Amino acid sequence: MGFSRSALDSFRGQSLPDLLGDQTRLLFVGINPGLRAVAVQAHFGGGSNRFYPALYRAGIIDRRVDASAGFRPEDLAHLRERGLGITSLVAGASARADELTAAQLVAGAEALSSRVEGIAPAVVAVLGITAYRTAFGRHRATIGPQPDPLGGPPRLGGPEPERLEQTRGPR
């Protein structure tokens, strides 16, 4: 599915609905949707995006998902059945994440904290350490678990941190 530059630009500032299921245990937080992702209405819908191949190689999903032309219903169902959710730090689409201002990232962090509290996943994975540092004012944050969980403590019955550490694939 090809889009001209002007067609993609028409999606600037538009958003995607969160991908959430009834039992979201692992919530991935992208920085903001790309123009192509909004055009096809699929998180990480860029044709060359490595997100879904990484989930497959890590064993988080058990089949390949190609969202470059939008989600297939069976792929959406599979992601939800696996307890996976996807949202964005900043809702509005842009061609590149570096187009976002610090103020947009900070406002996105405030809104995200409220959303996470309502979703109550066991784990929140923010995808983008530089954006995370700016958004949450944690300029020395490193990759990995953070000292303060988003949205409060994880809900009971979720996977324990030790178990998640044990199941993490090679680095």
C-alpha atoms as a PDB file:
ATOM      1  CA  MET A   1       0.000   0.000   0.000  1.00  0.00           C
ATOM      2  CA  GLY A   2       1.878   3.038  -1.257  1.00  0.00           C
ATOM      3  CA  PHE A   3       1.284   6.595  -0.122  1.00  0.00           C
ATOM      4  CA  SER A   4       2.626   9.777  -1.647  1.00  0.00           C
ATOM      5  CA  ARG A   5       4.418  12.241   0.627  1.00  0.00           C
ATOM      6  CA  SER A   6       1.489  14.641   0.389  1.00  0.00           C
ATOM      7  CA  ALA A   7      -0.998  11.869   1.220  1.00  0.00           C
ATOM      8  CA  LEU A   8       1.042  10.919   4.298  1.00  0.00           C
ATOM      9  CA  ASP A   9       1.338  14.579   5.338  1.00  0.00           C
ATOM     10  CA  SER A  10      -2.449  14.750   5.463  1.00  0.00           C
ATOM     11  CA  PHE A  11      -2.308  12.417   8.494  1.00  0.00           C
ATOM     12  CA  ARG A  12      -0.082  14.797  10.506  1.00  0.00           C
ATOM     13  CA  GLY A  13      -1.520  15.362  13.997  1.00  0.00           C
ATOM     14  CA  GLN A  14      -4.101  12.569  13.715  1.00  0.00           C
ATOM     15  CA  SER A  15      -4.086   9.676  16.159  1.00  0.00           C
ATOM     16  CA  LEU A  16      -4.668   5.953  16.587  1.00  0.00           C
ATOM     17  CA  PRO A  17      -6.933   4.343  19.141  1.00  0.00           C
ATOM     18  CA  ASP A  18      -5.102   2.407  21.849  1.00  0.00           C
ATOM     19  CA  LEU A  19      -4.840  -1.314  21.251  1.00  0.00           C
ATOM     20  CA  LEU A  20      -6.141  -2.819  24.488  1.00  0.00           C
ATOM     21  CA  GLY A  21      -7.816  -6.036  25.522  1.00  0.00           C
ATOM     22  CA  ASP A  22      -9.788  -7.020  28.586  1.00  0.00           C
ATOM     23  CA  GLN A  23      -6.650  -8.321  30.317  1.00  0.00           C
ATOM     24  CA  THR A  24      -3.754  -6.128  29.174  1.00  0.00           C
ATOM     25  CA  ARG A  25      -0.735  -7.352  31.133  1.00  0.00           C
ATOM     26  CA  LEU A  26       2.074  -5.854  29.055  1.00  0.00           C
ATOM     27  CA  LEU A  27       1.563  -2.337  27.723  1.00  0.00           C
ATOM     28  CA  PHE A  28       3.963  -1.040  25.086  1.00  0.00           C
ATOM     29  CA  VAL A  29       4.192   2.753  24.855  1.00  0.00           C
ATOM     30  CA  GLY A  30       5.486   4.173  21.593  1.00  0.00           C
ATOM     31  CA  ILE A  31       6.619   7.776  21.421  1.00  0.00           C
ATOM     32  CA  ASN A  32       3.945   8.847  18.932  1.00  0.00           C
ATOM     33  CA  PRO A  33       2.404   7.287  15.847  1.00  0.00           C
ATOM     34  CA  GLY A  34       4.062   7.737  12.509  1.00  0.00           C
ATOM     35  CA  LEU A  35       2.176   9.104   9.552  1.00  0.00           C
ATOM     36  CA  ARG A  36       2.004   5.713   7.836  1.00  0.00           C
ATOM     37  CA  ALA A  37       0.797   4.029  11.045  1.00  0.00           C
ATOM     38  CA  VAL A  38      -2.136   6.442  11.175  1.00  0.00           C
ATOM     39  CA  ALA A  39      -2.755   6.030   7.453  1.00  0.00           C
ATOM     40  CA  VAL A  40      -3.150   2.244   7.848  1.00  0.00           C
ATOM     41  CA  GLN A  41      -4.625   2.519  11.395  1.00  0.00           C
ATOM     42  CA  ALA A  42      -2.091   0.121  12.915  1.00  0.00           C
ATOM     43  CA  HIS A  43       0.487   0.790  15.620  1.00  0.00           C
ATOM     44  CA  PHE A  44       4.010   0.323  14.251  1.00  0.00           C
ATOM     45  CA  GLY A  45       2.491   0.049  10.783  1.00  0.00           C
ATOM     46  CA  GLY A  46       5.540   1.267   8.908  1.00  0.00           C
ATOM     47  CA  GLY A  47       6.652  -1.281   6.332  1.00  0.00           C
ATOM     48  CA  SER A  48      10.178  -1.557   7.730  1.00  0.00           C
ATOM     49  CA  ASN A  49       9.283  -1.400  11.428  1.00  0.00           C
ATOM     50  CA  ARG A  50      11.046  -4.036  13.566  1.00  0.00           C
ATOM     51  CA  PHE A  51       8.545  -4.050  16.458  1.00  0.00           C
ATOM     52  CA  TYR A  52       6.498  -7.132  15.531  1.00  0.00           C
ATOM     53  CA  PRO A  53       9.484  -9.176  14.302  1.00  0.00           C
ATOM     54  CA  ALA A  54      11.168  -8.455  17.665  1.00  0.00           C
ATOM     55  CA  LEU A  55       8.073  -9.622  19.583  1.00  0.00           C
ATOM     56  CA  TYR A  56       8.046 -12.814  17.530  1.00  0.00           C
ATOM     57  CA  ARG A  57      11.773 -13.522  17.975  1.00  0.00           C
ATOM     58  CA  ALA A  58      11.436 -12.890  21.725  1.00  0.00           C
ATOM     59  CA  GLY A  59       8.592 -15.427  21.969  1.00  0.00           C
ATOM     60  CA  ILE A  60       6.091 -12.810  23.137  1.00  0.00           C
ATOM     61  CA  ILE A  61       3.882 -13.645  20.158  1.00  0.00           C
ATOM     62  CA  ASP A  62       3.897 -17.016  18.415  1.00  0.00           C
ATOM     63  CA  ARG A  63       3.354 -15.888  14.846  1.00  0.00           C
ATOM     64  CA  ARG A  64       4.516 -13.133  12.568  1.00  0.00           C
ATOM     65  CA  VAL A  65       2.409  -9.982  12.451  1.00  0.00           C
ATOM     66  CA  ASP A  66       2.646  -7.637   9.477  1.00  0.00           C
ATOM     67  CA  ALA A  67       0.814  -4.386  10.192  1.00  0.00           C
ATOM     68  CA  SER A  68       2.143  -2.524   7.158  1.00  0.00           C
ATOM     69  CA  ALA A  69      -1.290  -2.579   5.467  1.00  0.00           C
ATOM     70  CA  GLY A  70      -3.262  -2.448   8.712  1.00  0.00           C
ATOM     71  CA  PHE A  71      -4.071  -5.153  11.225  1.00  0.00           C
ATOM     72  CA  ARG A  72      -5.729  -8.359  10.173  1.00  0.00           C
ATOM     73  CA  PRO A  73      -8.533  -9.258  12.614  1.00  0.00           C
ATOM     74  CA  GLU A  74      -6.779 -12.484  13.620  1.00  0.00           C
ATOM     75  CA  ASP A  75      -3.577 -10.571  14.438  1.00  0.00           C
ATOM     76  CA  LEU A  76      -5.482  -8.093  16.625  1.00  0.00           C
ATOM     77  CA  ALA A  77      -7.161 -10.994  18.412  1.00  0.00           C
ATOM     78  CA  HIS A  78      -3.802 -12.722  18.933  1.00  0.00           C
ATOM     79  CA  LEU A  79      -2.180  -9.620  20.435  1.00  0.00           C
ATOM     80  CA  ARG A  80      -5.119  -9.146  22.803  1.00  0.00           C
ATOM     81  CA  GLU A  81      -5.203 -12.850  23.753  1.00  0.00           C
ATOM     82  CA  ARG A  82      -1.517 -12.604  24.660  1.00  0.00           C
ATOM     83  CA  GLY A  83      -2.342  -9.715  27.023  1.00  0.00           C
ATOM     84  CA  LEU A  84      -0.516  -7.123  24.926  1.00  0.00           C
ATOM     85  CA  GLY A  85      -1.546  -3.510  24.604  1.00  0.00           C
ATOM     86  CA  ILE A  86      -0.112  -0.591  22.655  1.00  0.00           C
ATOM     87  CA  THR A  87      -0.503   3.128  23.237  1.00  0.00           C
ATOM     88  CA  SER A  88       1.515   6.270  22.548  1.00  0.00           C
ATOM     89  CA  LEU A  89       3.135   8.841  24.775  1.00  0.00           C
ATOM     90  CA  VAL A  90       1.946  11.619  22.436  1.00  0.00           C
ATOM     91  CA  ALA A  91      -1.231  10.973  20.454  1.00  0.00           C
ATOM     92  CA  GLY A  92      -0.592  13.120  17.364  1.00  0.00           C
ATOM     93  CA  ALA A  93       1.197  11.634  14.368  1.00  0.00           C
ATOM     94  CA  SER A  94       4.374  13.097  12.929  1.00  0.00           C
ATOM     95  CA  ALA A  95       6.926  12.054  10.338  1.00  0.00           C
ATOM     96  CA  ARG A  96       9.634  11.760  13.024  1.00  0.00           C
ATOM     97  CA  ALA A  97       9.628  11.682  16.807  1.00  0.00           C
ATOM     98  CA  ASP A  98      12.204  14.499  16.926  1.00  0.00           C
ATOM     99  CA  GLU A  99       9.460  16.852  15.661  1.00  0.00           C
ATOM    100  CA  LEU A 100       7.841  16.700  19.113  1.00  0.00           C
ATOM    101  CA  THR A 101       8.483  19.445  21.650  1.00  0.00           C
ATOM    102  CA  ALA A 102       9.471  18.866  25.253  1.00  0.00           C
ATOM    103  CA  ALA A 103       6.119  20.349  26.294  1.00  0.00           C
ATOM    104  CA  GLN A 104       4.263  17.766  24.179  1.00  0.00           C
ATOM    105  CA  LEU A 105       6.267  14.941  25.764  1.00  0.00           C
ATOM    106  CA  VAL A 106       5.644  16.218  29.314  1.00  0.00           C
ATOM    107  CA  ALA A 107       1.907  16.607  28.645  1.00  0.00           C
ATOM    108  CA  GLY A 108       1.896  13.121  27.127  1.00  0.00           C
ATOM    109  CA  ALA A 109       3.536  11.688  30.249  1.00  0.00           C
ATOM    110  CA  GLU A 110       0.839  13.190  32.463  1.00  0.00           C
ATOM    111  CA  ALA A 111      -1.929  11.753  30.286  1.00  0.00           C
ATOM    112  CA  LEU A 112      -0.148   8.391  30.057  1.00  0.00           C
ATOM    113  CA  SER A 113       0.106   8.060  33.834  1.00  0.00           C
ATOM    114  CA  SER A 114      -3.673   8.390  34.122  1.00  0.00           C
ATOM    115  CA  ARG A 115      -4.276   5.901  31.286  1.00  0.00           C
ATOM    116  CA  VAL A 116      -1.908   3.356  32.832  1.00  0.00           C
ATOM    117  CA  GLU A 117      -3.700   3.639  36.160  1.00  0.00           C
ATOM    118  CA  GLY A 118      -6.975   2.734  34.442  1.00  0.00           C
ATOM    119  CA  ILE A 119      -5.489  -0.111  32.394  1.00  0.00           C
ATOM    120  CA  ALA A 120      -3.457  -1.517  35.321  1.00  0.00           C
ATOM    121  CA  PRO A 121      -0.984  -3.663  33.361  1.00  0.00           C
ATOM    122  CA  ALA A 122       1.648  -5.678  35.210  1.00  0.00           C
ATOM    123  CA  VAL A 123       4.396  -4.163  33.037  1.00  0.00           C
ATOM    124  CA  VAL A 124       4.695  -0.926  31.068  1.00  0.00           C
ATOM    125  CA  ALA A 125       7.460  -0.761  28.461  1.00  0.00           C
ATOM    126  CA  VAL A 126       8.187   2.739  27.183  1.00  0.00           C
ATOM    127  CA  LEU A 127       9.881   2.441  23.795  1.00  0.00           C
ATOM    128  CA  GLY A 128      12.322   5.325  23.556  1.00  0.00           C
ATOM    129  CA  ILE A 129      14.708   6.233  26.373  1.00  0.00           C
ATOM    130  CA  THR A 130      15.378   9.781  25.135  1.00  0.00           C
ATOM    131  CA  ALA A 131      11.681  10.647  24.948  1.00  0.00           C
ATOM    132  CA  TYR A 132      11.140   8.960  28.328  1.00  0.00           C
ATOM    133  CA  ARG A 133      13.865  11.070  29.962  1.00  0.00           C
ATOM    134  CA  THR A 134      12.330  14.293  28.661  1.00  0.00           C
ATOM    135  CA  ALA A 135       8.701  13.340  29.277  1.00  0.00           C
ATOM    136  CA  PHE A 136       9.203  12.231  32.868  1.00  0.00           C
ATOM    137  CA  GLY A 137      12.024  14.605  33.816  1.00  0.00           C
ATOM    138  CA  ARG A 138      14.361  11.698  34.553  1.00  0.00           C
ATOM    139  CA  HIS A 139      17.398  12.864  32.648  1.00  0.00           C
ATOM    140  CA  ARG A 140      19.666  10.131  34.011  1.00  0.00           C
ATOM    141  CA  ALA A 141      17.251   7.243  33.434  1.00  0.00           C
ATOM    142  CA  THR A 142      18.845   4.150  31.936  1.00  0.00           C
ATOM    143  CA  ILE A 143      17.296   1.359  29.933  1.00  0.00           C
ATOM    144  CA  GLY A 144      15.503  -1.188  32.113  1.00  0.00           C
ATOM    145  CA  PRO A 145      13.166  -1.133  35.108  1.00  0.00           C
ATOM    146  CA  GLN A 146      12.557   2.319  36.573  1.00  0.00           C
ATOM    147  CA  PRO A 147      12.284   3.103  40.297  1.00  0.00           C
ATOM    148  CA  ASP A 148       8.746   4.529  40.105  1.00  0.00           C
ATOM    149  CA  PRO A 149       6.098   2.502  38.272  1.00  0.00           C
ATOM    150  CA  LEU A 150       3.656   4.368  36.042  1.00  0.00           C
ATOM    151  CA  GLY A 151       0.086   4.394  37.268  1.00  0.00           C
ATOM    152  CA  GLY A 152       0.901   2.966  40.690  1.00  0.00           C
ATOM    153  CA  PRO A 153       1.787  -0.597  41.625  1.00  0.00           C
ATOM    154  CA  PRO A 154       1.002  -3.440  39.211  1.00  0.00           C
ATOM    155  CA  ARG A 155      -2.339  -5.180  39.643  1.00  0.00           C
ATOM    156  CA  LEU A 156      -2.418  -8.399  41.614  1.00  0.00           C
ATOM    157  CA  GLY A 157      -2.209 -11.580  39.618  1.00  0.00           C
ATOM    158  CA  GLY A 158       0.197 -10.210  37.015  1.00  0.00           C
ATOM    159  CA  PRO A 159       3.559 -11.812  36.314  1.00  0.00           C
ATOM    160  CA  GLU A 160       6.143 -11.178  38.974  1.00  0.00           C
ATOM    161  CA  PRO A 161       9.227  -9.139  38.020  1.00  0.00           C
ATOM    162  CA  GLU A 162      11.560 -12.100  38.673  1.00  0.00           C
ATOM    163  CA  ARG A 163       9.584 -14.247  36.239  1.00  0.00           C
ATOM    164  CA  LEU A 164       9.707 -11.534  33.580  1.00  0.00           C
ATOM    165  CA  GLU A 165      13.462 -11.265  34.023  1.00  0.00           C
ATOM    166  CA  GLN A 166      13.835 -15.021  33.606  1.00  0.00           C
ATOM    167  CA  THR A 167      11.806 -15.079  30.398  1.00  0.00           C
ATOM    168  CA  ARG A 168      13.575 -12.145  28.773  1.00  0.00           C
ATOM    169  CA  GLY A 169      15.371 -13.250  25.606  1.00  0.00           C
ATOM    170  CA  PRO A 170      19.029 -12.663  24.757  1.00  0.00           C
ATOM    171  CA  ARG A 171      20.240  -9.114  24.622  1.00  0.00           C
END
